[in-house]
Amino acid sequence: MKKIKRVNLPKLKFDKNGLIPAIVQNRKTGQVLMCAYMNRESLKITLKEKRTCFFSRSRKVLWRKGESSGNVQKVKEIYYDCDKDALLIKVEQTGVACHTGNKSCFYRKIV
């Protein structure tokens, strides 16, 4: 069995519900694909499996991106912001990122 390398996480600031926003970006194109939320457990799973895992605020469960659609996000890099209260996850996207079938969840423009 392959030993998992231990990662020392910075002291991230999760909100009162134990969540932190995670912006997901295509590593090659720079396109922002989606925004979701992680708790400590989903972040640990993401680091271990090298694919995104999030926490559903509405269903109150963990979910791995692509578990039903096949549109998997392979994690290449994870950054945290200066306040330690948001994550930027750079991925290699398979298929589309949005449940609507769009490449990105950010496809509607206001201005």
N, C-alpha and C. Protein backbone atom coordinates (compact mmCIF):
# COMPACT_ATOMS: atom_id res chain seq x y z
N MET A 1 0.84 -1.17 0.00
CA MET A 1 0.00 0.00 0.00
C MET A 1 0.90 1.25 0.00
N LYS A 2 0.59 2.19 -0.87
CA LYS A 2 1.38 3.42 -0.98
C LYS A 2 1.10 4.34 0.20
N LYS A 3 2.17 4.84 0.81
CA LYS A 3 2.03 5.75 1.95
C LYS A 3 1.66 7.14 1.44
N ILE A 4 0.69 7.77 2.10
CA ILE A 4 0.23 9.10 1.72
C ILE A 4 1.10 10.14 2.41
N LYS A 5 1.61 11.06 1.61
CA LYS A 5 2.45 12.13 2.14
C LYS A 5 1.58 13.07 2.99
N ARG A 6 2.05 13.36 4.19
CA ARG A 6 1.31 14.27 5.08
C ARG A 6 1.55 15.71 4.63
N VAL A 7 0.48 16.47 4.56
CA VAL A 7 0.56 17.86 4.15
C VAL A 7 0.23 18.73 5.35
N ASN A 8 1.10 19.70 5.63
CA ASN A 8 0.82 20.64 6.70
C ASN A 8 -0.02 21.77 6.15
N LEU A 9 -1.27 21.82 6.57
CA LEU A 9 -2.17 22.87 6.10
C LEU A 9 -1.96 24.14 6.90
N PRO A 10 -2.07 25.29 6.22
CA PRO A 10 -2.03 26.55 6.97
C PRO A 10 -3.28 26.64 7.84
N LYS A 11 -3.30 27.55 8.76
CA LYS A 11 -4.48 27.73 9.63
C LYS A 11 -5.54 28.50 8.85
N LEU A 12 -6.27 27.76 8.03
CA LEU A 12 -7.32 28.36 7.21
C LEU A 12 -8.49 28.80 8.08
N LYS A 13 -9.19 29.83 7.64
CA LYS A 13 -10.32 30.37 8.38
C LYS A 13 -11.63 29.88 7.76
N PHE A 14 -12.19 28.85 8.35
CA PHE A 14 -13.48 28.34 7.93
C PHE A 14 -14.55 29.20 8.60
N ASP A 15 -15.71 29.35 7.95
CA ASP A 15 -16.77 30.19 8.53
C ASP A 15 -17.45 29.48 9.70
N LYS A 16 -18.48 30.12 10.26
CA LYS A 16 -19.16 29.57 11.45
C LYS A 16 -19.81 28.22 11.18
N ASN A 17 -20.03 27.88 9.90
CA ASN A 17 -20.59 26.58 9.53
C ASN A 17 -19.50 25.57 9.17
N GLY A 18 -18.24 25.98 9.35
CA GLY A 18 -17.12 25.09 9.05
C GLY A 18 -16.79 25.00 7.57
N LEU A 19 -17.18 26.03 6.80
CA LEU A 19 -16.97 26.01 5.35
C LEU A 19 -16.03 27.11 4.89
N ILE A 20 -15.42 26.87 3.74
CA ILE A 20 -14.56 27.86 3.09
C ILE A 20 -14.88 27.83 1.59
N PRO A 21 -15.04 29.01 0.95
CA PRO A 21 -15.33 29.02 -0.49
C PRO A 21 -14.10 28.58 -1.28
N ALA A 22 -14.36 27.85 -2.35
CA ALA A 22 -13.30 27.36 -3.23
C ALA A 22 -13.63 27.74 -4.67
N ILE A 23 -12.81 28.60 -5.24
CA ILE A 23 -12.94 28.98 -6.64
C ILE A 23 -12.13 27.98 -7.44
N VAL A 24 -12.74 27.40 -8.47
CA VAL A 24 -12.07 26.40 -9.28
C VAL A 24 -11.76 27.02 -10.65
N GLN A 25 -10.51 26.89 -11.05
CA GLN A 25 -10.02 27.52 -12.28
C GLN A 25 -9.32 26.48 -13.16
N ASN A 26 -9.53 26.60 -14.48
CA ASN A 26 -8.83 25.75 -15.43
C ASN A 26 -7.36 26.17 -15.43
N ARG A 27 -6.49 25.26 -15.10
CA ARG A 27 -5.07 25.59 -14.98
C ARG A 27 -4.45 26.06 -16.29
N LYS A 28 -4.87 25.47 -17.39
CA LYS A 28 -4.27 25.82 -18.68
C LYS A 28 -4.80 27.12 -19.26
N THR A 29 -6.11 27.35 -19.17
CA THR A 29 -6.70 28.53 -19.82
C THR A 29 -6.90 29.70 -18.87
N GLY A 30 -6.93 29.44 -17.57
CA GLY A 30 -7.19 30.50 -16.60
C GLY A 30 -8.67 30.79 -16.40
N GLN A 31 -9.53 30.12 -17.15
CA GLN A 31 -10.98 30.35 -17.03
C GLN A 31 -11.48 29.89 -15.66
N VAL A 32 -12.28 30.75 -15.02
CA VAL A 32 -12.91 30.36 -13.76
C VAL A 32 -14.06 29.42 -14.10
N LEU A 33 -14.07 28.25 -13.50
CA LEU A 33 -15.05 27.22 -13.83
C LEU A 33 -16.24 27.21 -12.88
N MET A 34 -15.99 27.37 -11.60
CA MET A 34 -17.08 27.27 -10.63
C MET A 34 -16.63 27.77 -9.26
N CYS A 35 -17.60 27.91 -8.39
CA CYS A 35 -17.36 28.22 -6.99
C CYS A 35 -18.18 27.23 -6.17
N ALA A 36 -17.54 26.62 -5.21
CA ALA A 36 -18.23 25.67 -4.33
C ALA A 36 -17.66 25.84 -2.93
N TYR A 37 -18.11 25.03 -2.01
CA TYR A 37 -17.64 25.15 -0.63
C TYR A 37 -17.02 23.85 -0.17
N MET A 38 -16.03 23.99 0.69
CA MET A 38 -15.35 22.83 1.27
C MET A 38 -15.40 22.94 2.78
N ASN A 39 -15.45 21.78 3.43
CA ASN A 39 -15.21 21.73 4.86
C ASN A 39 -13.86 21.04 5.03
N ARG A 40 -13.42 20.86 6.25
CA ARG A 40 -12.10 20.26 6.48
C ARG A 40 -12.00 18.86 5.87
N GLU A 41 -13.07 18.09 6.01
CA GLU A 41 -13.06 16.72 5.49
C GLU A 41 -12.95 16.70 3.96
N SER A 42 -13.72 17.54 3.28
CA SER A 42 -13.67 17.54 1.82
C SER A 42 -12.31 18.04 1.31
N LEU A 43 -11.70 18.97 2.04
CA LEU A 43 -10.37 19.44 1.66
C LEU A 43 -9.35 18.32 1.82
N LYS A 44 -9.44 17.57 2.91
CA LYS A 44 -8.52 16.45 3.11
C LYS A 44 -8.69 15.39 2.02
N ILE A 45 -9.93 15.11 1.65
CA ILE A 45 -10.20 14.13 0.58
C ILE A 45 -9.63 14.64 -0.74
N THR A 46 -9.83 15.94 -1.01
CA THR A 46 -9.29 16.54 -2.24
C THR A 46 -7.78 16.40 -2.30
N LEU A 47 -7.11 16.68 -1.20
CA LEU A 47 -5.65 16.56 -1.15
C LEU A 47 -5.20 15.11 -1.32
N LYS A 48 -5.91 14.20 -0.71
CA LYS A 48 -5.56 12.78 -0.78
C LYS A 48 -5.79 12.20 -2.18
N GLU A 49 -6.96 12.49 -2.75
CA GLU A 49 -7.34 11.88 -4.03
C GLU A 49 -6.89 12.67 -5.25
N LYS A 50 -6.48 13.92 -5.05
CA LYS A 50 -6.05 14.81 -6.14
C LYS A 50 -7.18 15.05 -7.15
N ARG A 51 -8.41 15.06 -6.66
CA ARG A 51 -9.59 15.45 -7.44
C ARG A 51 -10.54 16.15 -6.48
N THR A 52 -11.33 17.07 -7.03
CA THR A 52 -12.12 17.92 -6.14
C THR A 52 -13.25 17.17 -5.44
N CYS A 53 -13.41 17.52 -4.18
CA CYS A 53 -14.49 17.03 -3.35
C CYS A 53 -15.01 18.25 -2.59
N PHE A 54 -16.32 18.43 -2.55
CA PHE A 54 -16.91 19.61 -1.94
C PHE A 54 -17.96 19.20 -0.91
N PHE A 55 -18.47 20.20 -0.19
CA PHE A 55 -19.56 19.98 0.74
C PHE A 55 -20.79 20.69 0.21
N SER A 56 -21.87 19.97 0.05
CA SER A 56 -23.13 20.54 -0.43
C SER A 56 -23.84 21.22 0.74
N ARG A 57 -24.03 22.53 0.63
CA ARG A 57 -24.71 23.27 1.69
C ARG A 57 -26.19 22.91 1.76
N SER A 58 -26.80 22.60 0.62
CA SER A 58 -28.23 22.28 0.61
C SER A 58 -28.52 20.85 1.08
N ARG A 59 -27.70 19.91 0.64
CA ARG A 59 -27.92 18.50 0.99
C ARG A 59 -27.15 18.06 2.23
N LYS A 60 -26.20 18.89 2.66
CA LYS A 60 -25.39 18.58 3.85
C LYS A 60 -24.60 17.28 3.70
N VAL A 61 -24.02 17.07 2.51
CA VAL A 61 -23.22 15.88 2.25
C VAL A 61 -21.98 16.25 1.43
N LEU A 62 -20.98 15.38 1.50
CA LEU A 62 -19.80 15.54 0.65
C LEU A 62 -20.14 15.05 -0.75
N TRP A 63 -19.55 15.71 -1.76
CA TRP A 63 -19.73 15.22 -3.13
C TRP A 63 -18.46 15.45 -3.92
N ARG A 64 -18.12 14.44 -4.69
CA ARG A 64 -16.95 14.52 -5.55
C ARG A 64 -17.39 14.98 -6.93
N LYS A 65 -16.73 16.01 -7.43
CA LYS A 65 -17.08 16.53 -8.75
C LYS A 65 -16.91 15.42 -9.77
N GLY A 66 -17.95 15.19 -10.54
CA GLY A 66 -17.90 14.18 -11.60
C GLY A 66 -18.33 12.79 -11.18
N GLU A 67 -18.76 12.61 -9.93
CA GLU A 67 -19.13 11.26 -9.49
C GLU A 67 -20.33 10.71 -10.26
N SER A 68 -21.22 11.58 -10.72
CA SER A 68 -22.35 11.09 -11.52
C SER A 68 -22.22 11.50 -12.99
N SER A 69 -21.58 12.63 -13.25
CA SER A 69 -21.49 13.13 -14.63
C SER A 69 -20.25 12.66 -15.38
N GLY A 70 -19.21 12.29 -14.64
CA GLY A 70 -17.94 11.94 -15.28
C GLY A 70 -17.08 13.15 -15.58
N ASN A 71 -17.57 14.35 -15.26
CA ASN A 71 -16.82 15.59 -15.51
C ASN A 71 -15.90 15.89 -14.32
N VAL A 72 -14.83 15.15 -14.26
CA VAL A 72 -13.90 15.16 -13.13
C VAL A 72 -12.94 16.34 -13.21
N GLN A 73 -12.54 16.81 -12.03
CA GLN A 73 -11.53 17.87 -11.93
C GLN A 73 -10.31 17.30 -11.21
N LYS A 74 -9.20 17.14 -11.96
CA LYS A 74 -7.95 16.68 -11.36
C LYS A 74 -7.21 17.89 -10.81
N VAL A 75 -6.92 17.85 -9.54
CA VAL A 75 -6.28 18.97 -8.86
C VAL A 75 -4.79 19.03 -9.20
N LYS A 76 -4.37 20.21 -9.63
CA LYS A 76 -2.96 20.45 -9.96
C LYS A 76 -2.29 21.36 -8.93
N GLU A 77 -3.02 22.37 -8.44
CA GLU A 77 -2.48 23.30 -7.46
C GLU A 77 -3.61 23.84 -6.59
N ILE A 78 -3.30 24.13 -5.34
CA ILE A 78 -4.27 24.78 -4.45
C ILE A 78 -3.57 25.95 -3.76
N TYR A 79 -4.22 27.11 -3.84
CA TYR A 79 -3.72 28.32 -3.19
C TYR A 79 -4.75 28.79 -2.18
N TYR A 80 -4.32 29.59 -1.22
CA TYR A 80 -5.25 30.26 -0.32
C TYR A 80 -4.96 31.75 -0.36
N ASP A 81 -5.97 32.56 -0.07
CA ASP A 81 -5.81 34.01 -0.19
C ASP A 81 -5.12 34.61 1.04
N CYS A 82 -4.86 35.91 0.96
CA CYS A 82 -4.11 36.62 2.01
C CYS A 82 -4.81 36.58 3.36
N ASP A 83 -6.12 36.48 3.39
CA ASP A 83 -6.87 36.41 4.65
C ASP A 83 -7.07 34.98 5.13
N LYS A 84 -6.66 34.02 4.33
CA LYS A 84 -6.78 32.58 4.63
C LYS A 84 -8.23 32.13 4.73
N ASP A 85 -9.15 32.84 4.02
CA ASP A 85 -10.56 32.48 4.11
C ASP A 85 -11.19 32.13 2.76
N ALA A 86 -10.36 31.85 1.77
CA ALA A 86 -10.85 31.41 0.46
C ALA A 86 -9.75 30.61 -0.22
N LEU A 87 -10.18 29.66 -1.05
CA LEU A 87 -9.24 28.81 -1.78
C LEU A 87 -9.36 29.04 -3.28
N LEU A 88 -8.25 28.87 -3.98
CA LEU A 88 -8.22 28.85 -5.44
C LEU A 88 -7.64 27.50 -5.83
N ILE A 89 -8.44 26.72 -6.56
CA ILE A 89 -8.01 25.38 -6.94
C ILE A 89 -7.84 25.33 -8.45
N LYS A 90 -6.62 25.09 -8.90
CA LYS A 90 -6.34 24.99 -10.33
C LYS A 90 -6.41 23.52 -10.72
N VAL A 91 -7.23 23.26 -11.75
CA VAL A 91 -7.53 21.87 -12.11
C VAL A 91 -7.34 21.61 -13.60
N GLU A 92 -7.32 20.33 -13.91
CA GLU A 92 -7.43 19.85 -15.28
C GLU A 92 -8.86 19.31 -15.37
N GLN A 93 -9.69 20.00 -16.14
CA GLN A 93 -11.12 19.67 -16.23
C GLN A 93 -11.37 18.65 -17.32
N THR A 94 -12.13 17.61 -17.00
CA THR A 94 -12.62 16.65 -17.98
C THR A 94 -14.08 16.99 -18.23
N GLY A 95 -14.44 17.30 -19.48
CA GLY A 95 -15.82 17.66 -19.80
C GLY A 95 -16.14 19.06 -19.33
N VAL A 96 -17.40 19.30 -19.04
CA VAL A 96 -17.86 20.63 -18.61
C VAL A 96 -17.85 20.72 -17.08
N ALA A 97 -17.83 21.94 -16.57
CA ALA A 97 -17.83 22.13 -15.12
C ALA A 97 -19.22 22.37 -14.56
N CYS A 98 -20.11 22.96 -15.36
CA CYS A 98 -21.42 23.36 -14.86
C CYS A 98 -22.47 22.26 -15.07
N HIS A 99 -23.36 22.11 -14.09
CA HIS A 99 -24.43 21.12 -14.19
C HIS A 99 -25.43 21.45 -15.31
N THR A 100 -25.38 22.69 -15.84
CA THR A 100 -26.26 23.09 -16.95
C THR A 100 -25.74 22.62 -18.29
N GLY A 101 -24.51 22.10 -18.30
CA GLY A 101 -23.89 21.68 -19.56
C GLY A 101 -22.94 22.72 -20.13
N ASN A 102 -22.82 23.86 -19.46
CA ASN A 102 -21.89 24.89 -19.90
C ASN A 102 -20.48 24.56 -19.40
N LYS A 103 -19.51 25.06 -20.14
CA LYS A 103 -18.11 24.84 -19.81
C LYS A 103 -17.78 25.38 -18.42
N SER A 104 -18.33 26.54 -18.09
CA SER A 104 -18.12 27.22 -16.81
C SER A 104 -19.48 27.57 -16.21
N CYS A 105 -19.53 27.64 -14.89
CA CYS A 105 -20.75 28.11 -14.23
C CYS A 105 -20.96 29.61 -14.43
N PHE A 106 -19.90 30.30 -14.82
CA PHE A 106 -19.96 31.75 -15.02
C PHE A 106 -20.13 32.04 -16.51
N TYR A 107 -21.34 31.84 -17.00
CA TYR A 107 -21.63 32.07 -18.43
C TYR A 107 -22.65 33.16 -18.65
N ARG A 108 -23.21 33.74 -17.59
CA ARG A 108 -24.19 34.81 -17.72
C ARG A 108 -23.57 36.14 -17.30
N LYS A 109 -23.69 37.14 -18.16
CA LYS A 109 -23.06 38.42 -17.94
C LYS A 109 -24.07 39.46 -17.46
N ILE A 110 -23.68 40.26 -16.47
CA ILE A 110 -24.54 41.35 -15.99
C ILE A 110 -24.24 42.63 -16.75
N VAL A 111 -22.98 42.99 -16.84
CA VAL A 111 -22.59 44.24 -17.51
C VAL A 111 -21.60 43.93 -18.62
